[in-house]
C-alpha cells in the first residue's frame, strides 16, 4: 500500500473525528451524521493497516514491548469507538428518527456515550503520539522521493 495514501486517510480520520467530536460547534444533527461518516473512514483506516494488524496478531504471543503495547492500545481504541458509536446511535435525535427508529434507555446510553467519547479522545491522543515517529518518517521518506 502506498504510504502517501495511508497518511492521507490517517489525516482524514483525524479531521473527521475532530469535527464530529464537537457537537457544540456542528450541532447535534451534523455531529450524528459525521459520526456515521467517521465510522466509514475508520473502517478504511483499519483496512489500510490490515497487513500490519494481521502480522502483529499472528505473532502476538511472542511480542513484547512497544509493539504489544500498541496492539493493546489499538484494541482499546476499537472498544471505545464501538461503545461511542453504539451509544451515540442509541441516543440519536437525528439519525434514528430519519430511519424511522427509536431506542429506549436514554439514561443508560447517554452517560455511556459521554464517558466513551472521553475515553476515545484520550486513547486517540495516545495513539497519535505513539505513531507520530512512523508518520513523520513516512513523510520524510516520501519527501525525499520527490527530490530525486
C-alpha atoms as a PDB file:
ATOM      1  CA  UNK A   1       0.000   0.000   0.000  1.00  0.00           C
ATOM      2  CA  UNK A   2       1.266   3.468  -0.894  1.00  0.00           C
ATOM      3  CA  UNK A   3       2.422   5.233   2.267  1.00  0.00           C
ATOM      4  CA  UNK A   4       1.126   8.566   0.989  1.00  0.00           C
ATOM      5  CA  UNK A   5      -2.417   7.175   0.634  1.00  0.00           C
ATOM      6  CA  UNK A   6      -2.248   5.739   4.137  1.00  0.00           C
ATOM      7  CA  UNK A   7      -1.113   9.071   5.574  1.00  0.00           C
ATOM      8  CA  UNK A   8      -3.860  10.937   3.713  1.00  0.00           C
ATOM      9  CA  UNK A   9      -6.513   8.578   5.111  1.00  0.00           C
ATOM     10  CA  UNK A  10      -4.988   8.928   8.584  1.00  0.00           C
ATOM     11  CA  UNK A  11      -5.202  12.727   8.354  1.00  0.00           C
ATOM     12  CA  UNK A  12      -8.799  12.498   7.096  1.00  0.00           C
ATOM     13  CA  UNK A  13      -9.613  10.258  10.075  1.00  0.00           C
ATOM     14  CA  UNK A  14      -8.232  12.873  12.458  1.00  0.00           C
ATOM     15  CA  UNK A  15     -10.027  15.764  10.753  1.00  0.00           C
ATOM     16  CA  UNK A  16     -13.383  13.969  10.605  1.00  0.00           C
ATOM     17  CA  UNK A  17     -13.017  12.928  14.227  1.00  0.00           C
ATOM     18  CA  UNK A  18     -12.078  16.465  15.328  1.00  0.00           C
ATOM     19  CA  UNK A  19     -15.157  17.894  13.608  1.00  0.00           C
ATOM     20  CA  UNK A  20     -17.526  15.112  14.634  1.00  0.00           C
ATOM     21  CA  UNK A  21     -16.357  15.166  18.247  1.00  0.00           C
ATOM     22  CA  UNK A  22     -17.506  18.752  18.688  1.00  0.00           C
ATOM     23  CA  UNK A  23     -21.332  18.826  18.663  1.00  0.00           C
ATOM     24  CA  UNK A  24     -21.352  22.279  20.263  1.00  0.00           C
ATOM     25  CA  UNK A  25     -19.813  23.628  17.048  1.00  0.00           C
ATOM     26  CA  UNK A  26     -21.532  21.456  14.446  1.00  0.00           C
ATOM     27  CA  UNK A  27     -24.910  20.956  16.076  1.00  0.00           C
ATOM     28  CA  UNK A  28     -26.232  17.578  17.179  1.00  0.00           C
ATOM     29  CA  UNK A  29     -27.620  16.516  13.798  1.00  0.00           C
ATOM     30  CA  UNK A  30     -24.346  17.154  11.953  1.00  0.00           C
ATOM     31  CA  UNK A  31     -22.455  15.529  14.851  1.00  0.00           C
ATOM     32  CA  UNK A  32     -24.521  12.348  14.469  1.00  0.00           C
ATOM     33  CA  UNK A  33     -24.195  12.097  10.694  1.00  0.00           C
ATOM     34  CA  UNK A  34     -20.470  12.900  10.828  1.00  0.00           C
ATOM     35  CA  UNK A  35     -20.139  10.199  13.482  1.00  0.00           C
ATOM     36  CA  UNK A  36     -21.504   7.695  10.980  1.00  0.00           C
ATOM     37  CA  UNK A  37     -19.106   9.092   8.390  1.00  0.00           C
ATOM     38  CA  UNK A  38     -16.254   8.684  10.866  1.00  0.00           C
ATOM     39  CA  UNK A  39     -17.205   5.034  11.205  1.00  0.00           C
ATOM     40  CA  UNK A  40     -16.748   4.569   7.436  1.00  0.00           C
ATOM     41  CA  UNK A  41     -13.415   6.413   7.420  1.00  0.00           C
ATOM     42  CA  UNK A  42     -12.137   4.408  10.408  1.00  0.00           C
ATOM     43  CA  UNK A  43     -13.075   1.156   8.668  1.00  0.00           C
ATOM     44  CA  UNK A  44     -10.997   2.344   5.667  1.00  0.00           C
ATOM     45  CA  UNK A  45      -8.143   3.286   8.014  1.00  0.00           C
ATOM     46  CA  UNK A  46      -8.230  -0.166   9.589  1.00  0.00           C
ATOM     47  CA  UNK A  47      -8.369  -1.880   6.199  1.00  0.00           C
ATOM     48  CA  UNK A  48      -5.298   0.052   5.040  1.00  0.00           C
ATOM     49  CA  UNK A  49      -3.394  -1.127   8.108  1.00  0.00           C
ATOM     50  CA  UNK A  50      -4.707  -4.708   7.876  1.00  0.00           C
ATOM     51  CA  UNK A  51      -1.355  -6.280   6.923  1.00  0.00           C
ATOM     52  CA  UNK A  52       0.332  -4.721   9.955  1.00  0.00           C
ATOM     53  CA  UNK A  53      -2.549  -5.786  12.188  1.00  0.00           C
ATOM     54  CA  UNK A  54      -2.575  -9.358  10.858  1.00  0.00           C
ATOM     55  CA  UNK A  55       1.191  -9.724  11.253  1.00  0.00           C
ATOM     56  CA  UNK A  56       1.066  -8.297  14.778  1.00  0.00           C
ATOM     57  CA  UNK A  57      -1.794 -10.611  15.784  1.00  0.00           C
ATOM     58  CA  UNK A  58      -0.089 -13.633  14.253  1.00  0.00           C
ATOM     59  CA  UNK A  59       2.968 -13.054  16.414  1.00  0.00           C
ATOM     60  CA  UNK A  60       1.211 -11.510  19.445  1.00  0.00           C
ATOM     61  CA  UNK A  61       2.253 -14.305  21.806  1.00  0.00           C
ATOM     62  CA  UNK A  62       5.903 -13.570  21.013  1.00  0.00           C
ATOM     63  CA  UNK A  63       5.616  -9.773  21.060  1.00  0.00           C
ATOM     64  CA  UNK A  64       6.987  -7.722  23.858  1.00  0.00           C
ATOM     65  CA  UNK A  65       7.374  -4.049  24.498  1.00  0.00           C
ATOM     66  CA  UNK A  66       6.155  -1.269  22.275  1.00  0.00           C
ATOM     67  CA  UNK A  67       4.536  -3.348  19.539  1.00  0.00           C
ATOM     68  CA  UNK A  68       2.430  -5.304  22.036  1.00  0.00           C
ATOM     69  CA  UNK A  69       1.525  -2.064  23.833  1.00  0.00           C
ATOM     70  CA  UNK A  70       0.388  -0.564  20.521  1.00  0.00           C
ATOM     71  CA  UNK A  71      -1.713  -3.663  19.846  1.00  0.00           C
ATOM     72  CA  UNK A  72      -3.404  -3.327  23.245  1.00  0.00           C
ATOM     73  CA  UNK A  73      -3.886   0.406  22.639  1.00  0.00           C
ATOM     74  CA  UNK A  74      -5.495  -0.294  19.253  1.00  0.00           C
ATOM     75  CA  UNK A  75      -7.808  -2.897  20.790  1.00  0.00           C
ATOM     76  CA  UNK A  76      -8.866  -0.413  23.479  1.00  0.00           C
ATOM     77  CA  UNK A  77      -9.435   2.211  20.775  1.00  0.00           C
ATOM     78  CA  UNK A  78     -11.729  -0.156  18.894  1.00  0.00           C
ATOM     79  CA  UNK A  79     -13.710  -0.928  22.046  1.00  0.00           C
ATOM     80  CA  UNK A  80     -14.051   2.749  22.975  1.00  0.00           C
ATOM     81  CA  UNK A  81     -15.017   3.697  19.417  1.00  0.00           C
ATOM     82  CA  UNK A  82     -17.644   0.961  19.201  1.00  0.00           C
ATOM     83  CA  UNK A  83     -19.076   1.925  22.607  1.00  0.00           C
ATOM     84  CA  UNK A  84     -19.200   5.535  21.456  1.00  0.00           C
ATOM     85  CA  UNK A  85     -20.864   4.658  18.127  1.00  0.00           C
ATOM     86  CA  UNK A  86     -23.450   2.286  19.591  1.00  0.00           C
ATOM     87  CA  UNK A  87     -24.335   4.559  22.491  1.00  0.00           C
ATOM     88  CA  UNK A  88     -24.427   7.556  20.150  1.00  0.00           C
ATOM     89  CA  UNK A  89     -26.885   5.796  17.891  1.00  0.00           C
ATOM     90  CA  UNK A  90     -28.995   4.784  20.864  1.00  0.00           C
ATOM     91  CA  UNK A  91     -29.385   8.428  21.985  1.00  0.00           C
ATOM     92  CA  UNK A  92     -29.681   9.745  18.449  1.00  0.00           C
ATOM     93  CA  UNK A  93     -32.058  12.586  17.816  1.00  0.00           C
ATOM     94  CA  UNK A  94     -31.364  12.801  14.075  1.00  0.00           C
ATOM     95  CA  UNK A  95     -30.096   9.518  12.609  1.00  0.00           C
ATOM     96  CA  UNK A  96     -32.534   7.077  14.226  1.00  0.00           C
ATOM     97  CA  UNK A  97     -35.628   9.234  13.592  1.00  0.00           C
ATOM     98  CA  UNK A  98     -34.511   9.661   9.966  1.00  0.00           C
ATOM     99  CA  UNK A  99     -34.577   5.872   9.727  1.00  0.00           C
ATOM    100  CA  UNK A 100     -37.937   5.706  11.492  1.00  0.00           C
ATOM    101  CA  UNK A 101     -36.423   4.154  14.610  1.00  0.00           C
ATOM    102  CA  UNK A 102     -36.426   4.930  18.328  1.00  0.00           C
ATOM    103  CA  UNK A 103     -34.310   3.448  21.132  1.00  0.00           C
ATOM    104  CA  UNK A 104     -35.202   3.042  24.793  1.00  0.00           C
ATOM    105  CA  UNK A 105     -32.777   3.518  27.669  1.00  0.00           C
ATOM    106  CA  UNK A 106     -31.605   7.107  27.240  1.00  0.00           C
ATOM    107  CA  UNK A 107     -30.446   7.318  30.880  1.00  0.00           C
ATOM    108  CA  UNK A 108     -28.124   4.352  30.308  1.00  0.00           C
ATOM    109  CA  UNK A 109     -26.891   5.221  26.816  1.00  0.00           C
ATOM    110  CA  UNK A 110     -26.290   8.945  27.298  1.00  0.00           C
ATOM    111  CA  UNK A 111     -23.783   8.628  30.191  1.00  0.00           C
ATOM    112  CA  UNK A 112     -22.117   5.725  28.365  1.00  0.00           C
ATOM    113  CA  UNK A 113     -21.784   7.906  25.264  1.00  0.00           C
ATOM    114  CA  UNK A 114     -20.264  10.782  27.237  1.00  0.00           C
ATOM    115  CA  UNK A 115     -17.798   8.511  29.061  1.00  0.00           C
ATOM    116  CA  UNK A 116     -16.798   6.507  25.986  1.00  0.00           C
ATOM    117  CA  UNK A 117     -16.250   9.723  23.996  1.00  0.00           C
ATOM    118  CA  UNK A 118     -13.839  10.987  26.664  1.00  0.00           C
ATOM    119  CA  UNK A 119     -12.006   7.663  26.805  1.00  0.00           C
ATOM    120  CA  UNK A 120     -11.867   7.601  23.000  1.00  0.00           C
ATOM    121  CA  UNK A 121     -10.321  11.076  22.880  1.00  0.00           C
ATOM    122  CA  UNK A 122      -7.681  10.158  25.473  1.00  0.00           C
ATOM    123  CA  UNK A 123      -6.792   6.904  23.697  1.00  0.00           C
ATOM    124  CA  UNK A 124      -6.707   8.634  20.310  1.00  0.00           C
ATOM    125  CA  UNK A 125      -4.239  11.208  21.614  1.00  0.00           C
ATOM    126  CA  UNK A 126      -2.005   8.413  22.932  1.00  0.00           C
ATOM    127  CA  UNK A 127      -2.356   6.584  19.580  1.00  0.00           C
ATOM    128  CA  UNK A 128      -1.290   9.674  17.616  1.00  0.00           C
ATOM    129  CA  UNK A 129       1.706  10.255  19.889  1.00  0.00           C
ATOM    130  CA  UNK A 130       2.686   6.564  19.774  1.00  0.00           C
ATOM    131  CA  UNK A 131       2.628   6.569  15.970  1.00  0.00           C
ATOM    132  CA  UNK A 132       3.997  10.065  15.361  1.00  0.00           C
ATOM    133  CA  UNK A 133       7.511   8.866  14.533  1.00  0.00           C
ATOM    134  CA  UNK A 134       6.190   6.407  11.938  1.00  0.00           C
ATOM    135  CA  UNK A 135       4.118   9.114  10.239  1.00  0.00           C
ATOM    136  CA  UNK A 136       6.986  11.620  10.337  1.00  0.00           C
ATOM    137  CA  UNK A 137       9.398   9.053   8.875  1.00  0.00           C
ATOM    138  CA  UNK A 138       6.896   8.266   6.138  1.00  0.00           C
ATOM    139  CA  UNK A 139       6.505  11.934   5.272  1.00  0.00           C
ATOM    140  CA  UNK A 140      10.248  12.459   5.256  1.00  0.00           C
ATOM    141  CA  UNK A 141      10.836   9.404   3.063  1.00  0.00           C
ATOM    142  CA  UNK A 142       8.060  10.475   0.676  1.00  0.00           C
ATOM    143  CA  UNK A 143       9.509  13.984   0.524  1.00  0.00           C
ATOM    144  CA  UNK A 144      12.956  12.600  -0.314  1.00  0.00           C
ATOM    145  CA  UNK A 145      11.497  10.601  -3.213  1.00  0.00           C
ATOM    146  CA  UNK A 146      10.370  13.852  -4.856  1.00  0.00           C
ATOM    147  CA  UNK A 147      13.867  15.337  -4.544  1.00  0.00           C
ATOM    148  CA  UNK A 148      15.445  12.521  -6.554  1.00  0.00           C
END
